[in-house]
Amino acid sequence: MTGKYDAANPPAFKRLIAGGALLRPFSQGIMEACYKATNEVYAETGATNPRFKKLYESLAAFRSDSYLWWQVAEMGFDSFQIRMRSRT
């Protein structure tokens, strides 16, 4: 499903731009507010749903470990590829 989503986004992005849309990333403040609200919902749900809490804790631990690799390998390479795209 992720591959399908990633494949469909670039053409959709181009259609939006061709139609005059001005696309911008969310601001740091918006991202931080969303992050805070999401974690509050996870905590509230986990407080009343032990199954959710167990699954989320497992996911969060895996994600945290995955970010260690991602920061060293994937993020650096992706940033490099994006910078190089404008040079060719």
PDB file of N, CA and C in Angstrom:
ATOM      1  N   MET A   1       0.818  -1.186   0.000  1.00  0.00           N
ATOM      2  CA  MET A   1       0.000   0.000   0.000  1.00  0.00           C
ATOM      3  C   MET A   1       0.868   1.259   0.000  1.00  0.00           C
ATOM      4  N   THR A   2       1.962   1.220   0.751  1.00  0.00           N
ATOM      5  CA  THR A   2       2.836   2.392   0.802  1.00  0.00           C
ATOM      6  C   THR A   2       3.439   2.683  -0.565  1.00  0.00           C
ATOM      7  N   GLY A   3       3.840   1.632  -1.280  1.00  0.00           N
ATOM      8  CA  GLY A   3       4.392   1.821  -2.623  1.00  0.00           C
ATOM      9  C   GLY A   3       3.373   2.440  -3.562  1.00  0.00           C
ATOM     10  N   LYS A   4       2.130   1.997  -3.469  1.00  0.00           N
ATOM     11  CA  LYS A   4       1.069   2.559  -4.310  1.00  0.00           C
ATOM     12  C   LYS A   4       0.871   4.044  -3.998  1.00  0.00           C
ATOM     13  N   TYR A   5       0.868   4.368  -2.720  1.00  0.00           N
ATOM     14  CA  TYR A   5       0.720   5.750  -2.277  1.00  0.00           C
ATOM     15  C   TYR A   5       1.892   6.594  -2.795  1.00  0.00           C
ATOM     16  N   ASP A   6       3.108   6.086  -2.630  1.00  0.00           N
ATOM     17  CA  ASP A   6       4.293   6.819  -3.094  1.00  0.00           C
ATOM     18  C   ASP A   6       4.295   6.991  -4.612  1.00  0.00           C
ATOM     19  N   ALA A   7       3.786   6.009  -5.344  1.00  0.00           N
ATOM     20  CA  ALA A   7       3.741   6.109  -6.808  1.00  0.00           C
ATOM     21  C   ALA A   7       2.669   7.088  -7.280  1.00  0.00           C
ATOM     22  N   ALA A   8       1.567   7.189  -6.552  1.00  0.00           N
ATOM     23  CA  ALA A   8       0.464   8.064  -6.977  1.00  0.00           C
ATOM     24  C   ALA A   8       0.699   9.533  -6.607  1.00  0.00           C
ATOM     25  N   ASN A   9       1.511   9.790  -5.611  1.00  0.00           N
ATOM     26  CA  ASN A   9       1.688  11.163  -5.149  1.00  0.00           C
ATOM     27  C   ASN A   9       2.391  12.090  -6.133  1.00  0.00           C
ATOM     28  N   PRO A  10       3.501  11.707  -6.781  1.00  0.00           N
ATOM     29  CA  PRO A  10       4.156  12.655  -7.690  1.00  0.00           C
ATOM     30  C   PRO A  10       3.256  13.156  -8.820  1.00  0.00           C
ATOM     31  N   PRO A  11       2.509  12.286  -9.517  1.00  0.00           N
ATOM     32  CA  PRO A  11       1.614  12.820 -10.556  1.00  0.00           C
ATOM     33  C   PRO A  11       0.524  13.731  -9.972  1.00  0.00           C
ATOM     34  N   ALA A  12       0.007  13.379  -8.813  1.00  0.00           N
ATOM     35  CA  ALA A  12      -1.014  14.221  -8.177  1.00  0.00           C
ATOM     36  C   ALA A  12      -0.417  15.575  -7.803  1.00  0.00           C
ATOM     37  N   PHE A  13       0.792  15.555  -7.297  1.00  0.00           N
ATOM     38  CA  PHE A  13       1.508  16.780  -6.945  1.00  0.00           C
ATOM     39  C   PHE A  13       1.662  17.676  -8.173  1.00  0.00           C
ATOM     40  N   LYS A  14       2.059  17.084  -9.289  1.00  0.00           N
ATOM     41  CA  LYS A  14       2.231  17.846 -10.537  1.00  0.00           C
ATOM     42  C   LYS A  14       0.901  18.423 -11.018  1.00  0.00           C
ATOM     43  N   ARG A  15      -0.195  17.668 -10.883  1.00  0.00           N
ATOM     44  CA  ARG A  15      -1.510  18.182 -11.287  1.00  0.00           C
ATOM     45  C   ARG A  15      -1.927  19.370 -10.428  1.00  0.00           C
ATOM     46  N   LEU A  16      -1.667  19.286  -9.146  1.00  0.00           N
ATOM     47  CA  LEU A  16      -2.006  20.392  -8.250  1.00  0.00           C
ATOM     48  C   LEU A  16      -1.232  21.653  -8.632  1.00  0.00           C
ATOM     49  N   ILE A  17       0.053  21.512  -8.865  1.00  0.00           N
ATOM     50  CA  ILE A  17       0.885  22.658  -9.238  1.00  0.00           C
ATOM     51  C   ILE A  17       0.441  23.219 -10.586  1.00  0.00           C
ATOM     52  N   ALA A  18       0.166  22.345 -11.551  1.00  0.00           N
ATOM     53  CA  ALA A  18      -0.291  22.799 -12.871  1.00  0.00           C
ATOM     54  C   ALA A  18      -1.610  23.561 -12.758  1.00  0.00           C
ATOM     55  N   GLY A  19      -2.416  23.213 -11.782  1.00  0.00           N
ATOM     56  CA  GLY A  19      -3.695  23.886 -11.569  1.00  0.00           C
ATOM     57  C   GLY A  19      -3.576  25.175 -10.764  1.00  0.00           C
ATOM     58  N   GLY A  20      -2.362  25.536 -10.382  1.00  0.00           N
ATOM     59  CA  GLY A  20      -2.145  26.793  -9.683  1.00  0.00           C
ATOM     60  C   GLY A  20      -2.042  26.705  -8.175  1.00  0.00           C
ATOM     61  N   ALA A  21      -2.086  25.516  -7.640  1.00  0.00           N
ATOM     62  CA  ALA A  21      -1.994  25.378  -6.182  1.00  0.00           C
ATOM     63  C   ALA A  21      -0.602  25.776  -5.700  1.00  0.00           C
ATOM     64  N   LEU A  22      -0.561  26.415  -4.559  1.00  0.00           N
ATOM     65  CA  LEU A  22       0.704  26.751  -3.910  1.00  0.00           C
ATOM     66  C   LEU A  22       0.868  25.783  -2.741  1.00  0.00           C
ATOM     67  N   LEU A  23       1.792  24.857  -2.888  1.00  0.00           N
ATOM     68  CA  LEU A  23       1.979  23.821  -1.875  1.00  0.00           C
ATOM     69  C   LEU A  23       3.141  24.196  -0.967  1.00  0.00           C
ATOM     70  N   ARG A  24       2.897  24.104   0.328  1.00  0.00           N
ATOM     71  CA  ARG A  24       3.918  24.436   1.312  1.00  0.00           C
ATOM     72  C   ARG A  24       3.891  23.387   2.426  1.00  0.00           C
ATOM     73  N   PRO A  25       5.036  23.134   3.030  1.00  0.00           N
ATOM     74  CA  PRO A  25       5.026  22.208   4.171  1.00  0.00           C
ATOM     75  C   PRO A  25       4.346  22.855   5.367  1.00  0.00           C
ATOM     76  N   PHE A  26       3.884  22.021   6.291  1.00  0.00           N
ATOM     77  CA  PHE A  26       3.329  22.535   7.536  1.00  0.00           C
ATOM     78  C   PHE A  26       4.433  23.243   8.311  1.00  0.00           C
ATOM     79  N   SER A  27       4.077  24.274   9.053  1.00  0.00           N
ATOM     80  CA  SER A  27       5.048  24.995   9.877  1.00  0.00           C
ATOM     81  C   SER A  27       5.485  24.117  11.051  1.00  0.00           C
ATOM     82  N   GLN A  28       6.610  24.488  11.646  1.00  0.00           N
ATOM     83  CA  GLN A  28       7.104  23.768  12.819  1.00  0.00           C
ATOM     84  C   GLN A  28       6.067  23.796  13.940  1.00  0.00           C
ATOM     85  N   GLY A  29       5.407  24.937  14.135  1.00  0.00           N
ATOM     86  CA  GLY A  29       4.392  25.046  15.185  1.00  0.00           C
ATOM     87  C   GLY A  29       3.222  24.102  14.973  1.00  0.00           C
ATOM     88  N   ILE A  30       2.765  24.002  13.735  1.00  0.00           N
ATOM     89  CA  ILE A  30       1.662  23.087  13.426  1.00  0.00           C
ATOM     90  C   ILE A  30       2.099  21.644  13.658  1.00  0.00           C
ATOM     91  N   MET A  31       3.296  21.291  13.197  1.00  0.00           N
ATOM     92  CA  MET A  31       3.784  19.923  13.380  1.00  0.00           C
ATOM     93  C   MET A  31       3.912  19.579  14.865  1.00  0.00           C
ATOM     94  N   GLU A  32       4.413  20.516  15.656  1.00  0.00           N
ATOM     95  CA  GLU A  32       4.555  20.261  17.088  1.00  0.00           C
ATOM     96  C   GLU A  32       3.195  20.113  17.769  1.00  0.00           C
ATOM     97  N   ALA A  33       2.222  20.929  17.388  1.00  0.00           N
ATOM     98  CA  ALA A  33       0.873  20.813  17.963  1.00  0.00           C
ATOM     99  C   ALA A  33       0.241  19.474  17.602  1.00  0.00           C
ATOM    100  N   CYS A  34       0.410  19.049  16.376  1.00  0.00           N
ATOM    101  CA  CYS A  34      -0.131  17.751  15.945  1.00  0.00           C
ATOM    102  C   CYS A  34       0.544  16.603  16.685  1.00  0.00           C
ATOM    103  N   TYR A  35       1.853  16.695  16.844  1.00  0.00           N
ATOM    104  CA  TYR A  35       2.611  15.674  17.561  1.00  0.00           C
ATOM    105  C   TYR A  35       2.120  15.562  19.009  1.00  0.00           C
ATOM    106  N   LYS A  36       1.948  16.710  19.642  1.00  0.00           N
ATOM    107  CA  LYS A  36       1.472  16.739  21.031  1.00  0.00           C
ATOM    108  C   LYS A  36       0.063  16.150  21.138  1.00  0.00           C
ATOM    109  N   ALA A  37      -0.830  16.576  20.256  1.00  0.00           N
ATOM    110  CA  ALA A  37      -2.209  16.082  20.290  1.00  0.00           C
ATOM    111  C   ALA A  37      -2.262  14.573  20.035  1.00  0.00           C
ATOM    112  N   THR A  38      -1.467  14.112  19.096  1.00  0.00           N
ATOM    113  CA  THR A  38      -1.444  12.682  18.797  1.00  0.00           C
ATOM    114  C   THR A  38      -0.984  11.879  19.999  1.00  0.00           C
ATOM    115  N   ASN A  39       0.083  12.320  20.635  1.00  0.00           N
ATOM    116  CA  ASN A  39       0.580  11.599  21.808  1.00  0.00           C
ATOM    117  C   ASN A  39      -0.410  11.637  22.961  1.00  0.00           C
ATOM    118  N   GLU A  40      -1.166  12.716  23.081  1.00  0.00           N
ATOM    119  CA  GLU A  40      -2.214  12.777  24.109  1.00  0.00           C
ATOM    120  C   GLU A  40      -3.309  11.748  23.830  1.00  0.00           C
ATOM    121  N   VAL A  41      -3.709  11.625  22.571  1.00  0.00           N
ATOM    122  CA  VAL A  41      -4.727  10.632  22.204  1.00  0.00           C
ATOM    123  C   VAL A  41      -4.204   9.221  22.465  1.00  0.00           C
ATOM    124  N   TYR A  42      -2.955   8.955  22.099  1.00  0.00           N
ATOM    125  CA  TYR A  42      -2.370   7.630  22.356  1.00  0.00           C
ATOM    126  C   TYR A  42      -2.360   7.326  23.854  1.00  0.00           C
ATOM    127  N   ALA A  43      -1.988   8.309  24.674  1.00  0.00           N
ATOM    128  CA  ALA A  43      -1.949   8.098  26.127  1.00  0.00           C
ATOM    129  C   ALA A  43      -3.350   7.860  26.680  1.00  0.00           C
ATOM    130  N   GLU A  44      -4.320   8.634  26.231  1.00  0.00           N
ATOM    131  CA  GLU A  44      -5.701   8.459  26.691  1.00  0.00           C
ATOM    132  C   GLU A  44      -6.241   7.092  26.277  1.00  0.00           C
ATOM    133  N   THR A  45      -5.981   6.712  25.038  1.00  0.00           N
ATOM    134  CA  THR A  45      -6.462   5.415  24.557  1.00  0.00           C
ATOM    135  C   THR A  45      -5.773   4.282  25.305  1.00  0.00           C
ATOM    136  N   GLY A  46      -4.477   4.409  25.513  1.00  0.00           N
ATOM    137  CA  GLY A  46      -3.730   3.384  26.234  1.00  0.00           C
ATOM    138  C   GLY A  46      -4.160   3.231  27.679  1.00  0.00           C
ATOM    139  N   ALA A  47      -4.643   4.315  28.268  1.00  0.00           N
ATOM    140  CA  ALA A  47      -5.086   4.269  29.661  1.00  0.00           C
ATOM    141  C   ALA A  47      -6.356   3.441  29.834  1.00  0.00           C
ATOM    142  N   THR A  48      -7.146   3.317  28.777  1.00  0.00           N
ATOM    143  CA  THR A  48      -8.411   2.574  28.873  1.00  0.00           C
ATOM    144  C   THR A  48      -8.437   1.300  28.031  1.00  0.00           C
ATOM    145  N   ASN A  49      -7.387   1.088  27.243  1.00  0.00           N
ATOM    146  CA  ASN A  49      -7.357  -0.062  26.346  1.00  0.00           C
ATOM    147  C   ASN A  49      -5.995  -0.741  26.454  1.00  0.00           C
ATOM    148  N   PRO A  50      -5.880  -1.774  27.286  1.00  0.00           N
ATOM    149  CA  PRO A  50      -4.594  -2.431  27.489  1.00  0.00           C
ATOM    150  C   PRO A  50      -4.003  -3.039  26.204  1.00  0.00           C
ATOM    151  N   ARG A  51      -4.850  -3.515  25.332  1.00  0.00           N
ATOM    152  CA  ARG A  51      -4.357  -4.102  24.075  1.00  0.00           C
ATOM    153  C   ARG A  51      -3.705  -3.016  23.205  1.00  0.00           C
ATOM    154  N   PHE A  52      -4.374  -1.868  23.092  1.00  0.00           N
ATOM    155  CA  PHE A  52      -3.799  -0.759  22.341  1.00  0.00           C
ATOM    156  C   PHE A  52      -2.460  -0.346  22.964  1.00  0.00           C
ATOM    157  N   LYS A  53      -2.439  -0.229  24.294  1.00  0.00           N
ATOM    158  CA  LYS A  53      -1.219   0.198  24.977  1.00  0.00           C
ATOM    159  C   LYS A  53      -0.065  -0.747  24.667  1.00  0.00           C
ATOM    160  N   LYS A  54      -0.312  -2.034  24.724  1.00  0.00           N
ATOM    161  CA  LYS A  54       0.738  -3.024  24.455  1.00  0.00           C
ATOM    162  C   LYS A  54       1.229  -2.909  23.010  1.00  0.00           C
ATOM    163  N   LEU A  55       0.301  -2.807  22.073  1.00  0.00           N
ATOM    164  CA  LEU A  55       0.684  -2.693  20.663  1.00  0.00           C
ATOM    165  C   LEU A  55       1.437  -1.388  20.394  1.00  0.00           C
ATOM    166  N   TYR A  56       0.935  -0.296  20.961  1.00  0.00           N
ATOM    167  CA  TYR A  56       1.583   0.995  20.714  1.00  0.00           C
ATOM    168  C   TYR A  56       2.980   1.038  21.320  1.00  0.00           C
ATOM    169  N   GLU A  57       3.144   0.503  22.525  1.00  0.00           N
ATOM    170  CA  GLU A  57       4.470   0.487  23.139  1.00  0.00           C
ATOM    171  C   GLU A  57       5.459  -0.307  22.300  1.00  0.00           C
ATOM    172  N   SER A  58       5.014  -1.414  21.729  1.00  0.00           N
ATOM    173  CA  SER A  58       5.867  -2.210  20.847  1.00  0.00           C
ATOM    174  C   SER A  58       6.227  -1.421  19.584  1.00  0.00           C
ATOM    175  N   LEU A  59       5.234  -0.794  18.985  1.00  0.00           N
ATOM    176  CA  LEU A  59       5.464   0.024  17.788  1.00  0.00           C
ATOM    177  C   LEU A  59       6.417   1.170  18.087  1.00  0.00           C
ATOM    178  N   ALA A  60       6.209   1.861  19.208  1.00  0.00           N
ATOM    179  CA  ALA A  60       7.042   3.014  19.557  1.00  0.00           C
ATOM    180  C   ALA A  60       8.492   2.599  19.780  1.00  0.00           C
ATOM    181  N   ALA A  61       8.712   1.453  20.421  1.00  0.00           N
ATOM    182  CA  ALA A  61      10.081   0.962  20.634  1.00  0.00           C
ATOM    183  C   ALA A  61      10.740   0.624  19.299  1.00  0.00           C
ATOM    184  N   PHE A  62      10.012  -0.058  18.421  1.00  0.00           N
ATOM    185  CA  PHE A  62      10.546  -0.395  17.098  1.00  0.00           C
ATOM    186  C   PHE A  62      10.864   0.877  16.313  1.00  0.00           C
ATOM    187  N   ARG A  63       9.958   1.835  16.336  1.00  0.00           N
ATOM    188  CA  ARG A  63      10.159   3.092  15.609  1.00  0.00           C
ATOM    189  C   ARG A  63      11.388   3.825  16.130  1.00  0.00           C
ATOM    190  N   SER A  64      11.548   3.866  17.441  1.00  0.00           N
ATOM    191  CA  SER A  64      12.695   4.538  18.034  1.00  0.00           C
ATOM    192  C   SER A  64      14.003   3.890  17.587  1.00  0.00           C
ATOM    193  N   ASP A  65      14.049   2.573  17.598  1.00  0.00           N
ATOM    194  CA  ASP A  65      15.245   1.872  17.131  1.00  0.00           C
ATOM    195  C   ASP A  65      15.470   2.089  15.636  1.00  0.00           C
ATOM    196  N   SER A  66      14.395   2.100  14.870  1.00  0.00           N
ATOM    197  CA  SER A  66      14.508   2.293  13.420  1.00  0.00           C
ATOM    198  C   SER A  66      15.055   3.670  13.085  1.00  0.00           C
ATOM    199  N   TYR A  67      14.672   4.670  13.863  1.00  0.00           N
ATOM    200  CA  TYR A  67      15.148   6.032  13.608  1.00  0.00           C
ATOM    201  C   TYR A  67      16.655   6.141  13.762  1.00  0.00           C
ATOM    202  N   LEU A  68      17.257   5.322  14.612  1.00  0.00           N
ATOM    203  CA  LEU A  68      18.718   5.352  14.744  1.00  0.00           C
ATOM    204  C   LEU A  68      19.373   5.083  13.396  1.00  0.00           C
ATOM    205  N   TRP A  69      18.917   4.039  12.714  1.00  0.00           N
ATOM    206  CA  TRP A  69      19.439   3.709  11.386  1.00  0.00           C
ATOM    207  C   TRP A  69      19.059   4.779  10.375  1.00  0.00           C
ATOM    208  N   TRP A  70      17.823   5.179  10.416  1.00  0.00           N
ATOM    209  CA  TRP A  70      17.315   6.124   9.426  1.00  0.00           C
ATOM    210  C   TRP A  70      18.103   7.428   9.465  1.00  0.00           C
ATOM    211  N   GLN A  71      18.430   7.920  10.667  1.00  0.00           N
ATOM    212  CA  GLN A  71      19.162   9.178  10.784  1.00  0.00           C
ATOM    213  C   GLN A  71      20.543   9.084  10.166  1.00  0.00           C
ATOM    214  N   VAL A  72      21.181   7.938  10.272  1.00  0.00           N
ATOM    215  CA  VAL A  72      22.538   7.781   9.755  1.00  0.00           C
ATOM    216  C   VAL A  72      22.536   7.469   8.264  1.00  0.00           C
ATOM    217  N   ALA A  73      21.658   6.603   7.828  1.00  0.00           N
ATOM    218  CA  ALA A  73      21.717   6.122   6.451  1.00  0.00           C
ATOM    219  C   ALA A  73      20.678   6.764   5.543  1.00  0.00           C
ATOM    220  N   GLU A  74      19.436   6.532   5.814  1.00  0.00           N
ATOM    221  CA  GLU A  74      18.377   6.936   4.893  1.00  0.00           C
ATOM    222  C   GLU A  74      18.224   8.445   4.778  1.00  0.00           C
ATOM    223  N   MET A  75      18.162   9.151   5.909  1.00  0.00           N
ATOM    224  CA  MET A  75      17.942  10.591   5.871  1.00  0.00           C
ATOM    225  C   MET A  75      19.084  11.299   5.147  1.00  0.00           C
ATOM    226  N   GLY A  76      20.317  10.914   5.448  1.00  0.00           N
ATOM    227  CA  GLY A  76      21.464  11.526   4.785  1.00  0.00           C
ATOM    228  C   GLY A  76      21.456  11.279   3.286  1.00  0.00           C
ATOM    229  N   PHE A  77      21.150  10.043   2.891  1.00  0.00           N
ATOM    230  CA  PHE A  77      21.124   9.716   1.471  1.00  0.00           C
ATOM    231  C   PHE A  77      19.984  10.436   0.762  1.00  0.00           C
ATOM    232  N   ASP A  78      18.802  10.450   1.368  1.00  0.00           N
ATOM    233  CA  ASP A  78      17.676  11.158   0.760  1.00  0.00           C
ATOM    234  C   ASP A  78      17.974  12.645   0.603  1.00  0.00           C
ATOM    235  N   SER A  79      18.564  13.251   1.623  1.00  0.00           N
ATOM    236  CA  SER A  79      18.922  14.669   1.537  1.00  0.00           C
ATOM    237  C   SER A  79      19.937  14.903   0.415  1.00  0.00           C
ATOM    238  N   PHE A  80      20.909  14.023   0.310  1.00  0.00           N
ATOM    239  CA  PHE A  80      21.900  14.117  -0.763  1.00  0.00           C
ATOM    240  C   PHE A  80      21.225  14.027  -2.134  1.00  0.00           C
ATOM    241  N   GLN A  81      20.350  13.057  -2.306  1.00  0.00           N
ATOM    242  CA  GLN A  81      19.667  12.880  -3.594  1.00  0.00           C
ATOM    243  C   GLN A  81      18.843  14.120  -3.963  1.00  0.00           C
ATOM    244  N   ILE A  82      18.186  14.717  -2.999  1.00  0.00           N
ATOM    245  CA  ILE A  82      17.378  15.900  -3.255  1.00  0.00           C
ATOM    246  C   ILE A  82      18.274  17.067  -3.661  1.00  0.00           C
ATOM    247  N   ARG A  83      19.400  17.240  -2.984  1.00  0.00           N
ATOM    248  CA  ARG A  83      20.329  18.312  -3.349  1.00  0.00           C
ATOM    249  C   ARG A  83      20.889  18.087  -4.748  1.00  0.00           C
ATOM    250  N   MET A  84      21.247  16.864  -5.080  1.00  0.00           N
ATOM    251  CA  MET A  84      21.850  16.556  -6.383  1.00  0.00           C
ATOM    252  C   MET A  84      20.836  16.728  -7.524  1.00  0.00           C
ATOM    253  N   ARG A  85      19.568  16.512  -7.229  1.00  0.00           N
ATOM    254  CA  ARG A  85      18.537  16.640  -8.261  1.00  0.00           C
ATOM    255  C   ARG A  85      18.565  18.025  -8.895  1.00  0.00           C
ATOM    256  N   SER A  86      18.830  19.039  -8.108  1.00  0.00           N
ATOM    257  CA  SER A  86      18.827  20.403  -8.649  1.00  0.00           C
ATOM    258  C   SER A  86      20.104  20.716  -9.423  1.00  0.00           C
ATOM    259  N   ARG A  87      21.101  19.871  -9.365  1.00  0.00           N
ATOM    260  CA  ARG A  87      22.370  20.113 -10.062  1.00  0.00           C
ATOM    261  C   ARG A  87      22.451  19.448 -11.425  1.00  0.00           C
ATOM    262  N   THR A  88      21.510  18.561 -11.698  1.00  0.00           N
ATOM    263  CA  THR A  88      21.606  17.850 -12.993  1.00  0.00           C
ATOM    264  C   THR A  88      20.503  18.266 -13.924  1.00  0.00           C
TER     265      THR A  88
END
